[in-house]
N, C-alpha and C. Protein backbone atom coordinates (compact mmCIF):
# COMPACT_ATOMS: atom_id res chain seq x y z
N MET A 1 12.38 -8.03 -8.23
CA MET A 1 10.50 -8.62 -7.54
C MET A 1 10.27 -10.00 -7.55
N ALA A 2 10.03 -10.20 -6.66
CA ALA A 2 8.42 -11.57 -6.03
C ALA A 2 8.18 -10.99 -7.06
N ASN A 3 7.56 -12.64 -7.55
CA ASN A 3 6.15 -13.01 -8.42
C ASN A 3 5.58 -13.69 -7.84
N ILE A 4 5.08 -12.81 -7.69
CA ILE A 4 3.10 -12.91 -6.65
C ILE A 4 2.03 -12.99 -7.54
N LYS A 5 0.94 -14.28 -6.64
CA LYS A 5 -0.48 -13.97 -7.73
C LYS A 5 -1.11 -14.96 -6.07
N ILE A 6 -2.36 -14.13 -5.72
CA ILE A 6 -3.32 -13.79 -4.73
C ILE A 6 -4.76 -14.26 -5.30
N TYR A 7 -4.82 -16.22 -5.02
CA TYR A 7 -6.15 -16.89 -5.54
C TYR A 7 -7.24 -16.52 -4.58
N SER A 8 -8.09 -15.57 -5.57
CA SER A 8 -9.18 -14.39 -4.70
C SER A 8 -10.62 -15.44 -5.19
N THR A 9 -11.68 -14.41 -4.80
CA THR A 9 -12.94 -14.05 -5.23
C THR A 9 -13.44 -12.96 -5.26
N PRO A 10 -14.70 -12.11 -5.54
CA PRO A 10 -15.13 -11.42 -5.28
C PRO A 10 -15.59 -10.64 -3.98
N THR A 11 -16.02 -11.51 -3.62
CA THR A 11 -16.27 -11.32 -1.97
C THR A 11 -15.85 -11.30 -0.85
N CYS A 12 -14.83 -12.47 -1.27
CA CYS A 12 -13.94 -12.58 0.12
C CYS A 12 -13.35 -11.36 0.40
N PRO A 13 -13.59 -11.12 1.74
CA PRO A 13 -13.36 -9.91 2.64
C PRO A 13 -11.25 -9.72 2.90
N TRP A 14 -11.31 -10.97 2.83
CA TRP A 14 -10.18 -10.85 3.37
C TRP A 14 -9.32 -10.80 2.31
N CYS A 15 -9.47 -10.94 0.97
CA CYS A 15 -8.68 -11.11 0.05
C CYS A 15 -8.67 -9.39 -0.18
N LYS A 16 -9.50 -8.53 -0.66
CA LYS A 16 -9.99 -7.40 -0.16
C LYS A 16 -8.50 -6.97 0.43
N LYS A 17 -8.69 -7.17 1.43
CA LYS A 17 -7.46 -6.67 2.81
C LYS A 17 -6.28 -7.15 2.30
N ALA A 18 -6.19 -7.80 1.36
CA ALA A 18 -4.93 -8.32 1.22
C ALA A 18 -3.91 -8.00 -0.34
N LYS A 19 -5.29 -7.99 -1.22
CA LYS A 19 -4.61 -6.70 -2.05
C LYS A 19 -4.57 -5.26 -1.94
N GLN A 20 -5.17 -5.05 -0.81
CA GLN A 20 -5.12 -3.44 -0.94
C GLN A 20 -3.95 -2.63 0.11
N TYR A 21 -3.99 -4.28 1.03
CA TYR A 21 -2.36 -3.40 2.22
C TYR A 21 -0.99 -4.17 0.84
N LEU A 22 -0.99 -5.23 -0.05
CA LEU A 22 0.39 -4.55 -1.35
C LEU A 22 -0.02 -3.54 -1.83
N ASP A 23 -1.24 -2.98 -2.28
CA ASP A 23 -1.30 -2.14 -3.29
C ASP A 23 -1.15 -0.64 -2.28
N GLU A 24 -0.71 -0.79 -1.04
CA GLU A 24 0.01 0.07 -0.16
C GLU A 24 1.22 0.17 0.16
N LYS A 25 1.55 -0.71 -0.60
CA LYS A 25 2.82 -0.73 -0.10
C LYS A 25 3.28 -1.25 -1.65
N GLU A 26 2.70 -0.78 -2.34
CA GLU A 26 3.35 -0.47 -3.84
C GLU A 26 3.85 -1.65 -4.79
N ILE A 27 3.08 -2.96 -4.06
CA ILE A 27 4.10 -4.38 -4.42
C ILE A 27 2.92 -4.52 -5.34
N LYS A 28 3.64 -5.14 -6.72
CA LYS A 28 2.47 -5.45 -7.93
C LYS A 28 2.42 -6.99 -7.67
N TYR A 29 1.27 -7.52 -7.88
CA TYR A 29 0.90 -9.23 -7.66
C TYR A 29 -0.11 -8.93 -9.28
N GLU A 30 -0.19 -10.62 -9.35
CA GLU A 30 -1.73 -10.81 -10.41
C GLU A 30 -2.78 -11.42 -9.20
N SER A 31 -3.46 -11.17 -9.92
CA SER A 31 -4.89 -10.97 -9.03
C SER A 31 -5.39 -12.24 -10.02
N ILE A 32 -6.22 -13.69 -9.71
CA ILE A 32 -6.68 -14.10 -9.99
C ILE A 32 -8.16 -14.66 -9.16
N ASP A 33 -9.24 -14.79 -10.24
CA ASP A 33 -10.53 -15.00 -9.32
C ASP A 33 -10.87 -16.17 -9.72
N VAL A 34 -10.45 -17.06 -8.56
CA VAL A 34 -10.99 -18.21 -8.36
C VAL A 34 -12.63 -18.91 -8.87
N SER A 35 -13.01 -18.08 -8.44
CA SER A 35 -15.02 -18.06 -8.65
C SER A 35 -15.28 -17.95 -10.38
N LEU A 36 -14.13 -17.56 -11.00
CA LEU A 36 -14.60 -17.97 -12.25
C LEU A 36 -13.82 -18.55 -13.53
N ASN A 37 -12.20 -19.42 -12.69
CA ASN A 37 -11.28 -19.60 -13.55
C ASN A 37 -11.39 -21.11 -12.79
N GLN A 38 -12.27 -21.90 -13.51
CA GLN A 38 -11.86 -23.38 -13.07
C GLN A 38 -10.53 -24.00 -12.79
N GLU A 39 -9.69 -23.90 -13.97
CA GLU A 39 -8.29 -24.16 -14.36
C GLU A 39 -7.61 -23.84 -12.98
N ALA A 40 -7.62 -22.13 -12.20
CA ALA A 40 -7.43 -21.22 -11.46
C ALA A 40 -7.13 -22.08 -10.16
N GLN A 41 -8.72 -22.18 -9.71
CA GLN A 41 -8.77 -22.97 -8.69
C GLN A 41 -8.61 -24.34 -8.05
N LYS A 42 -8.53 -25.47 -9.76
CA LYS A 42 -7.52 -26.50 -9.80
C LYS A 42 -6.03 -26.18 -8.85
N GLU A 43 -5.27 -25.00 -9.97
CA GLU A 43 -4.31 -25.05 -9.27
C GLU A 43 -3.54 -24.11 -7.99
N MET A 44 -4.65 -23.17 -7.16
CA MET A 44 -4.79 -23.38 -6.18
C MET A 44 -4.60 -24.24 -5.18
N ILE A 45 -5.90 -25.40 -5.15
CA ILE A 45 -5.92 -26.91 -4.13
C ILE A 45 -4.93 -27.32 -4.18
N ASP A 46 -3.63 -27.62 -5.64
CA ASP A 46 -2.42 -28.03 -5.90
C ASP A 46 -2.08 -27.65 -5.38
N LYS A 47 -1.66 -26.57 -4.98
CA LYS A 47 -0.29 -25.47 -4.69
C LYS A 47 -1.01 -25.73 -2.83
N SER A 48 -2.60 -25.23 -2.12
CA SER A 48 -2.07 -25.17 -1.34
C SER A 48 -2.70 -25.95 -0.15
N GLY A 49 -3.86 -27.08 -0.83
CA GLY A 49 -4.09 -28.68 0.26
C GLY A 49 -5.72 -27.52 0.04
N GLN A 50 -5.83 -26.20 0.10
CA GLN A 50 -7.10 -25.61 0.85
C GLN A 50 -8.09 -25.18 -0.80
N MET A 51 -9.12 -25.17 0.11
CA MET A 51 -10.28 -24.38 -0.69
C MET A 51 -10.81 -23.10 -0.91
N GLY A 52 -10.27 -23.00 0.87
CA GLY A 52 -10.35 -21.39 0.79
C GLY A 52 -9.80 -20.28 0.40
N VAL A 53 -9.75 -18.98 0.19
CA VAL A 53 -9.25 -17.92 -0.40
C VAL A 53 -9.09 -16.72 0.81
N PRO A 54 -8.58 -16.01 0.66
CA PRO A 54 -7.43 -15.93 0.01
C PRO A 54 -6.20 -17.29 -0.39
N VAL A 55 -5.33 -17.09 -1.08
CA VAL A 55 -4.54 -17.91 -0.92
C VAL A 55 -3.47 -17.41 -1.81
N ILE A 56 -2.10 -16.60 -1.27
CA ILE A 56 -1.04 -15.92 -1.83
C ILE A 56 0.06 -16.74 -1.73
N ASP A 57 0.38 -16.55 -3.31
CA ASP A 57 1.70 -17.60 -3.59
C ASP A 57 2.74 -16.86 -3.87
N ILE A 58 4.48 -16.40 -2.97
CA ILE A 58 5.07 -14.86 -3.02
C ILE A 58 5.96 -16.08 -3.47
N ASP A 59 6.48 -16.69 -5.25
CA ASP A 59 7.99 -17.34 -5.41
C ASP A 59 7.56 -17.89 -5.08
N GLY A 60 6.55 -19.60 -5.07
CA GLY A 60 6.56 -20.87 -4.53
C GLY A 60 6.28 -20.96 -3.58
N LYS A 61 6.00 -19.34 -2.32
CA LYS A 61 6.01 -19.80 -1.02
C LYS A 61 4.38 -19.17 -0.58
N ILE A 62 4.05 -20.28 -0.38
CA ILE A 62 1.96 -20.44 -0.21
C ILE A 62 1.32 -19.91 0.95
N ILE A 63 0.76 -18.70 1.38
CA ILE A 63 0.12 -17.89 2.29
C ILE A 63 -1.23 -18.28 2.33
N VAL A 64 -2.19 -19.12 3.33
CA VAL A 64 -3.29 -19.81 3.33
C VAL A 64 -4.31 -18.44 4.14
N GLY A 65 -4.66 -17.45 4.02
CA GLY A 65 -5.31 -16.60 4.62
C GLY A 65 -4.13 -15.38 4.07
N PHE A 66 -4.88 -14.46 4.90
CA PHE A 66 -4.43 -12.72 5.06
C PHE A 66 -3.27 -12.78 5.83
N ASP A 67 -1.93 -13.31 5.89
CA ASP A 67 -0.95 -13.13 6.99
C ASP A 67 0.09 -12.32 6.94
N LYS A 68 -0.81 -11.11 7.13
CA LYS A 68 0.80 -9.69 7.51
C LYS A 68 1.86 -9.76 7.10
N GLU A 69 2.03 -10.52 9.24
CA GLU A 69 3.63 -10.81 9.20
C GLU A 69 4.07 -12.23 8.26
N GLU A 70 3.37 -13.19 8.32
CA GLU A 70 4.31 -13.77 6.70
C GLU A 70 4.43 -13.15 5.50
N ILE A 71 3.48 -12.00 4.87
CA ILE A 71 3.66 -11.54 4.01
C ILE A 71 4.74 -10.80 4.53
N ASN A 72 4.92 -9.50 5.18
CA ASN A 72 6.13 -9.35 5.42
C ASN A 72 7.52 -10.05 5.68
N GLN A 73 7.86 -11.25 6.36
CA GLN A 73 8.90 -11.65 6.23
C GLN A 73 8.91 -12.04 5.17
N ILE A 74 8.41 -12.66 4.14
CA ILE A 74 8.84 -12.97 3.13
C ILE A 74 9.47 -12.54 2.03
N LEU A 75 8.11 -10.99 2.01
CA LEU A 75 8.94 -9.91 0.91
C LEU A 75 9.92 -9.14 1.83
N ASN A 76 10.53 -9.04 3.10
CA ASN A 76 11.23 -8.29 4.09
C ASN A 76 11.06 -7.16 3.81
N ILE A 77 9.84 -6.69 4.57
CA ILE A 77 9.21 -5.83 4.64
C ILE A 77 9.41 -5.58 6.23
N LYS A 78 9.58 -4.58 6.65
CA LYS A 78 9.78 -3.43 8.18
C LYS A 78 8.16 -3.23 8.67
């Protein structure tokens, strides 16, 4: 099973869509609220070079934004 982290904020609509998509596929993930956690925010920026959310980390592969096709490819979802 993949280790998945979603760096997000509570007001981000694309973050909600990404989480909803993984929930629909019954894929477990860790949700990290970068609006409350400065350390996680720095970690997210270090990994992605981006300040925008969502940033999705799947076993070290970084996806910036909600890119369903890339998620499917990395997780081998048909």
